[in-house]
Protein backbone atom coordinates (compact mmCIF):
# COMPACT_ATOMS: atom_id res chain seq x y z
CA MET A 1 0.00 0.00 0.00
CA LEU A 2 1.33 3.43 -0.99
CA TYR A 3 1.45 6.03 1.79
CA ARG A 4 1.01 9.36 -0.01
CA THR A 5 2.67 12.56 1.18
CA ASP A 6 1.57 14.92 -1.59
CA ASP A 7 1.44 17.88 0.78
CA PHE A 8 5.21 17.98 1.24
CA PRO A 9 6.71 21.10 -0.47
CA LEU A 10 9.21 19.21 -2.61
CA GLU A 11 9.66 22.24 -4.85
CA ARG A 12 11.67 23.87 -2.05
CA ILE A 13 14.55 21.36 -2.14
CA PRO A 14 16.38 22.01 -5.47
CA ALA A 15 17.89 25.43 -4.70
CA PRO A 16 19.50 24.66 -1.30
CA LEU A 17 20.49 21.17 -2.42
CA LEU A 18 22.26 22.40 -5.56
CA GLY A 19 24.16 25.00 -3.58
CA TRP A 20 25.24 22.42 -1.03
CA TYR A 21 26.29 19.92 -3.70
CA ARG A 22 28.53 22.34 -5.59
CA GLU A 23 30.36 23.16 -2.39
CA HIS A 24 30.63 19.67 -0.89
CA LYS A 25 30.60 17.15 -3.74
CA ARG A 26 33.30 14.50 -3.74
CA ASP A 27 36.05 14.40 -6.35
CA LEU A 28 35.17 11.15 -8.12
CA PRO A 29 36.90 9.94 -11.31
CA TRP A 30 33.70 9.39 -13.30
CA ARG A 31 32.63 12.99 -12.67
CA VAL A 32 35.67 14.34 -14.55
CA GLU A 33 34.45 13.22 -17.97
CA GLY A 34 30.72 12.95 -17.36
CA SER A 35 29.99 11.33 -20.73
CA ALA A 36 27.27 8.74 -21.18
CA TYR A 37 29.84 5.92 -21.36
CA HIS A 38 31.66 6.99 -18.20
CA THR A 39 28.43 7.65 -16.29
CA TRP A 40 26.96 4.31 -17.37
CA VAL A 41 30.00 2.20 -16.45
CA SER A 42 30.32 3.90 -13.06
CA GLU A 43 26.63 3.47 -12.24
CA ILE A 44 26.70 -0.24 -13.09
CA MET A 45 29.84 -0.71 -10.97
CA LEU A 46 28.28 1.19 -8.07
CA GLN A 47 25.30 -1.16 -7.86
CA GLN A 48 25.80 -3.22 -4.68
CA THR A 49 29.36 -1.85 -4.29
CA ARG A 50 30.84 0.95 -2.15
CA VAL A 51 32.20 4.08 -3.84
CA GLU A 52 35.68 3.68 -2.37
CA ALA A 53 35.89 0.12 -3.67
CA VAL A 54 34.78 1.17 -7.16
CA LYS A 55 37.36 3.93 -7.74
CA GLY A 56 40.27 1.63 -8.52
CA TYR A 57 38.17 -0.74 -10.61
CA TYR A 58 36.76 2.15 -12.62
CA THR A 59 40.20 3.61 -13.37
CA ARG A 60 41.61 0.23 -14.48
CA PHE A 61 38.50 -0.49 -16.55
CA MET A 62 38.73 2.83 -18.39
CA GLN A 63 42.44 2.37 -19.07
CA ALA A 64 41.71 -1.03 -20.65
CA LEU A 65 38.38 -0.19 -22.32
CA PRO A 66 38.26 3.57 -22.91
CA ASP A 67 35.11 3.63 -25.05
CA VAL A 68 32.00 1.67 -25.98
CA TYR A 69 33.71 0.15 -29.04
CA ALA A 70 36.51 -1.32 -26.95
CA LEU A 71 34.01 -2.79 -24.48
CA ALA A 72 31.88 -4.26 -27.25
CA ALA A 73 34.91 -6.01 -28.78
CA CYS A 74 36.52 -7.13 -25.51
CA ASP A 75 37.35 -10.80 -24.96
CA GLU A 76 35.05 -12.29 -22.31
CA ASP A 77 37.89 -13.61 -20.13
CA LYS A 78 39.58 -10.19 -20.16
CA LEU A 79 36.30 -8.52 -19.22
CA MET A 80 35.73 -10.91 -16.33
CA LYS A 81 39.29 -10.37 -15.10
CA LEU A 82 38.71 -6.60 -15.11
CA TRP A 83 35.52 -7.19 -13.13
CA GLU A 84 37.07 -9.70 -10.72
CA GLY A 85 36.21 -8.88 -7.12
CA LEU A 86 33.27 -6.59 -7.90
CA GLY A 87 30.82 -9.48 -7.73
CA TYR A 88 27.42 -9.78 -9.43
CA TYR A 89 29.13 -10.85 -12.64
CA SER A 90 25.92 -10.69 -14.66
CA ARG A 91 26.44 -6.92 -14.51
CA ALA A 92 29.62 -7.26 -16.58
CA ARG A 93 27.97 -9.55 -19.12
CA ASN A 94 25.03 -7.15 -19.50
CA LEU A 95 27.47 -4.26 -19.78
CA GLN A 96 29.02 -5.86 -22.84
CA LYS A 97 25.62 -6.80 -24.31
CA ALA A 98 24.50 -3.19 -23.99
CA ALA A 99 27.76 -1.92 -25.49
CA ARG A 100 27.17 -4.09 -28.53
CA GLN A 101 23.61 -2.78 -28.79
CA VAL A 102 24.88 0.81 -28.72
CA VAL A 103 27.45 0.04 -31.43
CA GLU A 104 25.12 -1.98 -33.66
CA GLU A 105 21.86 -0.05 -33.22
CA TYR A 106 23.00 3.50 -32.43
CA GLY A 107 26.34 3.77 -34.24
CA GLY A 108 28.25 3.96 -30.97
CA VAL A 109 26.27 6.97 -29.67
CA PHE A 110 24.17 6.49 -26.53
CA PRO A 111 20.53 7.53 -26.75
CA SER A 112 19.61 10.35 -24.37
CA GLU A 113 16.00 9.44 -23.57
CA VAL A 114 15.12 7.20 -20.61
CA GLU A 115 12.80 5.00 -22.66
CA ALA A 116 15.50 4.17 -25.22
CA LEU A 117 18.14 3.62 -22.53
CA THR A 118 15.96 1.09 -20.69
CA ARG A 119 15.92 -1.05 -23.83
CA LEU A 120 19.64 -1.65 -23.41
CA ALA A 121 20.70 -4.79 -21.52
CA GLY A 122 21.03 -4.35 -17.78
CA ILE A 123 19.73 -0.76 -17.68
CA GLY A 124 16.69 -0.14 -15.50
CA THR A 125 14.83 3.07 -14.79
CA TYR A 126 17.32 4.24 -12.16
CA THR A 127 20.42 3.82 -14.34
CA ALA A 128 18.60 5.27 -17.35
CA GLY A 129 17.60 8.32 -15.31
CA ALA A 130 21.17 8.78 -14.09
CA ILE A 131 22.64 8.62 -17.61
CA SER A 132 19.94 10.83 -19.11
CA SER A 133 20.22 13.57 -16.49
CA ILE A 134 23.97 13.48 -15.74
CA ALA A 135 25.32 12.94 -19.26
CA PHE A 136 22.65 14.73 -21.30
CA GLY A 137 21.12 17.27 -18.89
CA MET A 138 17.64 15.82 -19.30
CA ARG A 139 14.87 16.14 -16.70
CA ALA A 140 15.04 12.49 -15.62
CA PRO A 141 14.88 11.40 -11.95
CA ALA A 142 17.10 8.56 -10.72
CA VAL A 143 15.85 6.96 -7.50
CA ASP A 144 18.45 4.72 -5.83
CA GLY A 145 18.79 3.60 -2.21
CA ASN A 146 20.22 6.95 -1.14
CA VAL A 147 17.37 8.86 -2.75
CA PHE A 148 14.77 6.51 -1.23
CA ARG A 149 16.25 7.27 2.19
CA VAL A 150 16.47 11.04 1.73
CA LEU A 151 12.93 11.44 0.42
CA SER A 152 11.38 8.97 2.85
CA ARG A 153 12.84 10.93 5.78
CA LEU A 154 12.05 14.34 4.36
CA MET A 155 8.41 13.43 3.89
CA CYS A 156 8.07 10.89 6.74
CA ASN A 157 6.73 8.51 4.13
CA ALA A 158 6.10 5.09 5.68
CA THR A 159 5.75 3.19 2.41
CA PRO A 160 8.13 0.18 2.35
CA ILE A 161 10.84 0.90 -0.21
CA ASP A 162 10.19 -2.40 -1.98
CA GLU A 163 6.54 -1.49 -2.57
CA PRO A 164 6.28 -1.81 -6.39
CA ASN A 165 4.68 1.58 -7.02
CA TYR A 166 6.74 3.61 -4.53
CA ARG A 167 9.65 4.27 -6.88
CA LYS A 168 7.28 5.46 -9.62
CA TYR A 169 5.55 7.76 -7.11
CA LEU A 170 8.85 9.32 -6.06
CA GLU A 171 9.99 9.68 -9.67
CA GLU A 172 6.78 11.53 -10.51
CA ARG A 173 7.12 13.82 -7.49
CA LEU A 174 10.74 14.59 -8.34
CA LEU A 175 10.09 15.16 -12.04
CA ALA A 176 7.61 17.89 -11.15
CA VAL A 177 10.33 19.88 -9.32
CA TYR A 178 13.37 19.13 -11.53
CA PRO A 179 15.36 22.13 -12.78
CA PRO A 180 15.07 23.11 -16.45
CA LYS A 181 17.00 21.02 -18.95
CA GLY A 182 20.77 21.47 -18.65
CA ARG A 183 23.61 21.08 -16.16
CA ASP A 184 21.34 21.65 -13.15
CA CYS A 185 19.47 18.42 -13.97
CA GLY A 186 22.57 16.27 -13.65
CA ASP A 187 23.73 18.14 -10.57
CA PHE A 188 20.33 17.74 -8.91
CA THR A 189 20.38 13.99 -9.57
CA GLN A 190 23.87 13.68 -8.10
CA ALA A 191 23.06 16.03 -5.22
CA LEU A 192 20.28 13.75 -3.98
CA MET A 193 22.61 10.73 -4.16
CA GLU A 194 25.45 12.66 -2.51
CA LEU A 195 23.25 13.87 0.34
CA GLY A 196 22.27 10.28 1.11
CA ALA A 197 25.86 9.09 0.94
CA LEU A 198 27.52 11.83 3.00
CA VAL A 199 24.86 13.29 5.31
CA CYS A 200 21.57 11.39 5.36
CA LYS A 201 23.33 8.12 6.21
CA PRO A 202 21.47 4.92 7.12
CA THR A 203 22.22 4.66 10.84
CA SER A 204 23.85 7.92 11.88
CA PRO A 205 22.54 10.87 9.84
CA SER A 206 24.42 14.15 10.26
CA CYS A 207 21.29 16.26 10.38
CA GLU A 208 23.04 19.46 11.51
CA GLU A 209 25.05 19.42 8.27
CA CYS A 210 22.00 18.92 6.05
CA PRO A 211 20.88 21.80 3.79
CA LEU A 212 17.32 20.47 4.02
CA GLN A 213 17.11 20.08 7.78
CA GLY A 214 14.52 22.85 8.10
CA LEU A 215 12.18 20.93 5.80
CA CYS A 216 12.77 17.43 7.15
CA ARG A 217 9.75 15.97 8.94
CA ALA A 218 11.74 13.03 10.31
CA LYS A 219 14.23 15.39 11.96
CA ALA A 220 11.41 17.46 13.41
CA SER A 221 9.84 14.36 14.96
CA GLY A 222 13.12 12.64 15.88
CA THR A 223 12.25 9.60 13.76
CA GLN A 224 15.14 9.66 11.27
CA THR A 225 16.23 6.08 11.90
CA GLU A 226 12.69 4.77 11.36
CA PHE A 227 12.92 5.63 7.66
CA PRO A 228 13.00 4.25 5.09
CA VAL A 229 10.64 1.45 6.01
CA LYS A 230 11.78 -1.98 4.82
CA LYS A 231 9.94 -5.26 4.69
CA GLN A 232 11.59 -8.13 6.52
CA LYS A 233 13.80 -10.12 4.16
CA PRO A 234 13.37 -13.89 3.92
CA PRO A 235 16.30 -15.89 5.32
CA LYS A 236 19.10 -16.65 2.88
CA LYS A 237 19.18 -20.06 1.29
CA GLU A 238 22.20 -22.09 2.44
CA GLN A 239 24.21 -24.32 0.13
CA ARG A 240 27.15 -26.57 1.01
CA LEU A 241 29.89 -27.13 -1.58
CA PHE A 242 32.96 -29.28 -1.87
CA VAL A 243 35.68 -27.13 -3.47
CA PHE A 244 38.89 -28.79 -4.61
CA LEU A 245 42.28 -27.14 -5.03
CA ILE A 246 43.56 -29.86 -7.35
CA GLU A 247 47.32 -29.63 -7.70
CA THR A 248 48.97 -31.40 -10.64
CA PRO A 249 52.55 -31.20 -11.97
CA ASN A 250 51.34 -28.34 -14.22
CA GLY A 251 49.73 -26.28 -11.47
CA PHE A 252 46.25 -25.92 -10.00
CA CYS A 253 43.08 -26.82 -11.89
CA VAL A 254 40.37 -24.32 -12.73
CA ARG A 255 37.31 -24.47 -14.94
CA LYS A 256 34.73 -21.99 -16.23
CA ARG A 257 31.32 -21.94 -14.55
CA GLU A 258 28.73 -22.49 -17.26
CA LYS A 259 25.56 -21.76 -15.27
CA GLY A 260 24.13 -20.55 -11.97
CA VAL A 261 25.79 -18.17 -9.54
CA LEU A 262 29.02 -16.61 -10.93
CA LYS A 263 28.36 -17.93 -14.44
CA GLY A 264 31.13 -17.01 -16.87
CA THR A 265 33.87 -16.78 -14.25
CA TYR A 266 36.39 -19.44 -13.27
CA GLU A 267 36.30 -21.65 -10.22
CA PHE A 268 38.29 -24.33 -8.50
CA PRO A 269 36.28 -27.47 -9.42
CA SER A 270 33.32 -27.80 -7.07
CA VAL A 271 30.44 -30.17 -6.37
CA GLU A 272 27.34 -29.58 -4.27
CA ALA A 273 27.82 -31.42 -0.98
CA GLU A 274 24.72 -33.58 -1.02
CA LEU A 275 23.75 -35.46 2.12
CA GLY A 276 25.94 -38.55 2.45
CA LEU A 277 28.34 -37.58 -0.35
CA THR A 278 32.01 -37.85 0.67
CA PRO A 279 34.79 -35.67 -0.79
CA GLU A 280 36.33 -38.80 -2.31
CA GLN A 281 33.09 -39.58 -4.13
CA ALA A 282 32.79 -35.97 -5.27
CA LEU A 283 36.28 -36.08 -6.76
CA GLN A 284 35.42 -39.25 -8.61
CA ARG A 285 32.35 -37.48 -10.04
CA LEU A 286 34.69 -34.82 -11.34
CA GLY A 287 36.75 -37.48 -13.10
CA VAL A 288 39.74 -37.47 -10.74
CA ALA A 289 40.56 -41.15 -10.24
CA SER A 290 43.77 -41.24 -8.20
CA PHE A 291 44.54 -38.55 -5.63
CA THR A 292 45.71 -37.64 -2.16
CA LEU A 293 43.71 -35.38 0.16
CA CYS A 294 46.32 -33.15 1.84
CA LYS A 295 44.54 -30.43 3.75
CA GLU A 296 41.05 -29.10 4.35
CA GLY A 297 39.44 -25.84 5.38
CA LEU A 298 36.02 -24.26 5.81
CA TYR A 299 35.13 -20.98 4.10
CA THR A 300 31.92 -18.97 3.84
CA HIS A 301 30.72 -16.60 1.15
CA ILE A 302 27.49 -14.64 1.32
CA PHE A 303 25.60 -13.53 -1.78
CA THR A 304 22.40 -11.47 -1.86
CA HIS A 305 20.07 -14.47 -1.63
CA ILE A 306 22.32 -17.39 -0.81
CA ARG A 307 25.03 -18.36 1.66
CA TRP A 308 27.75 -20.78 0.60
CA GLU A 309 29.40 -23.05 3.15
CA MET A 310 32.50 -24.22 1.31
CA LEU A 311 34.37 -27.34 2.39
CA VAL A 312 37.72 -26.82 0.69
CA TYR A 313 40.26 -29.57 0.07
CA HIS A 314 43.84 -29.38 -1.21
CA VAL A 315 44.23 -32.39 -3.49
CA GLN A 316 47.37 -33.71 -5.15
CA THR A 317 47.18 -35.87 -8.27
CA GLU A 318 49.20 -36.69 -11.36
CA ALA A 319 46.33 -36.02 -13.78
CA ALA A 320 42.91 -34.34 -13.81
CA PRO A 321 40.42 -33.49 -16.60
CA PHE A 322 40.84 -29.73 -16.18
CA THR A 323 43.25 -27.06 -17.35
CA ALA A 324 45.94 -26.35 -14.78
CA TYR A 325 47.87 -23.10 -14.26
CA PRO A 326 50.74 -22.07 -12.00
CA LEU A 327 49.51 -20.09 -8.99
CA ALA A 328 51.14 -16.89 -10.25
CA GLU A 329 49.23 -17.12 -13.52
CA ILE A 330 45.95 -17.72 -11.69
CA GLN A 331 46.58 -14.56 -9.66
CA GLU A 332 47.44 -12.45 -12.70
CA LYS A 333 45.27 -13.69 -15.55
CA VAL A 334 42.40 -15.93 -14.42
CA SER A 335 39.06 -14.33 -13.45
CA LEU A 336 38.57 -15.93 -10.06
CA PRO A 337 35.74 -14.47 -7.93
CA THR A 338 36.25 -13.63 -4.26
CA ALA A 339 34.27 -16.70 -3.22
CA PHE A 340 36.95 -18.94 -4.73
CA ARG A 341 39.96 -16.66 -4.43
CA GLN A 342 39.70 -16.78 -0.62
CA CYS A 343 40.28 -20.53 -0.83
CA LEU A 344 43.85 -19.85 -1.91
CA THR A 345 44.73 -19.14 1.72
CA LEU A 346 44.60 -22.89 2.24
CA ILE A 347 47.58 -23.14 -0.12
CA ASN A 348 49.30 -19.93 0.88
CA ASN A 349 49.26 -20.98 4.53
CA ARG A 350 50.56 -24.49 3.98
CA GLU A 351 53.68 -25.42 5.83
């Protein structure tokens, strides 16, 4: 159910917010260029990832793939290596799909309208609004988690943020008060995000530093931490895996994941640890006939909807049906996600 707060004077927020943003905005690498390509790549990287973590990835990515043509033509393994550690690898695959759409359908030039942008792979209404307003100066709201929080507190709106129609409601309210087409549109979009990131923080908002504190209903009532309202999340599914660091005379074995979580990246060969299945039986399923189990460890990795309990074994064998690489080459060239890369400590710590 949508809790409406139409009486809130939203038209009073652009002027003080723009002034605050131009004085306090962070120096971020993607703001230097501000083109559609740079804005798009940064926004996709920033989904589910902290700004500080993204800076280095963004710089390396742009050095390797400076434009949409380079991304469209990039080898998949190289792309996944550039993305390694950012997680949510479907983002990288959709990034390349969209790049190819832009090259093939738009001659390498990004469309400026939200509707056209949302037809590109992996671009939803938020990312489309960010690109349209920041790169093209269009009147296009972009409602992310920071903006949900800022507006929910300002208006004391008790609608759960995962209510399907809440985003559309906020987009419509914002669109009505957006500055005229031009630079102010992009700055207003970024100002809302920046306020949520630097001042209107989730657990400890710095209300005395906020340019909108005089308008904020949550501050007036002392209820800042009660907003935004969130529905209780269902418990994460748990999955147990056997993961094998199979060492052969040529190095350690890896293989590409063809489906499921982390599809398209490489892994140390793994098997779901079904009830009653032993690690020896799991290795035989993988086609490893003769081996020695040397060392074991337990690792955990948490995704958005699933928790992996990983029973990791260092295995020595003369032959295995997988490609093997020296450890140094795995570190430098193989796209190994954090979930599997952490397992290397079992080898690095061996006596």
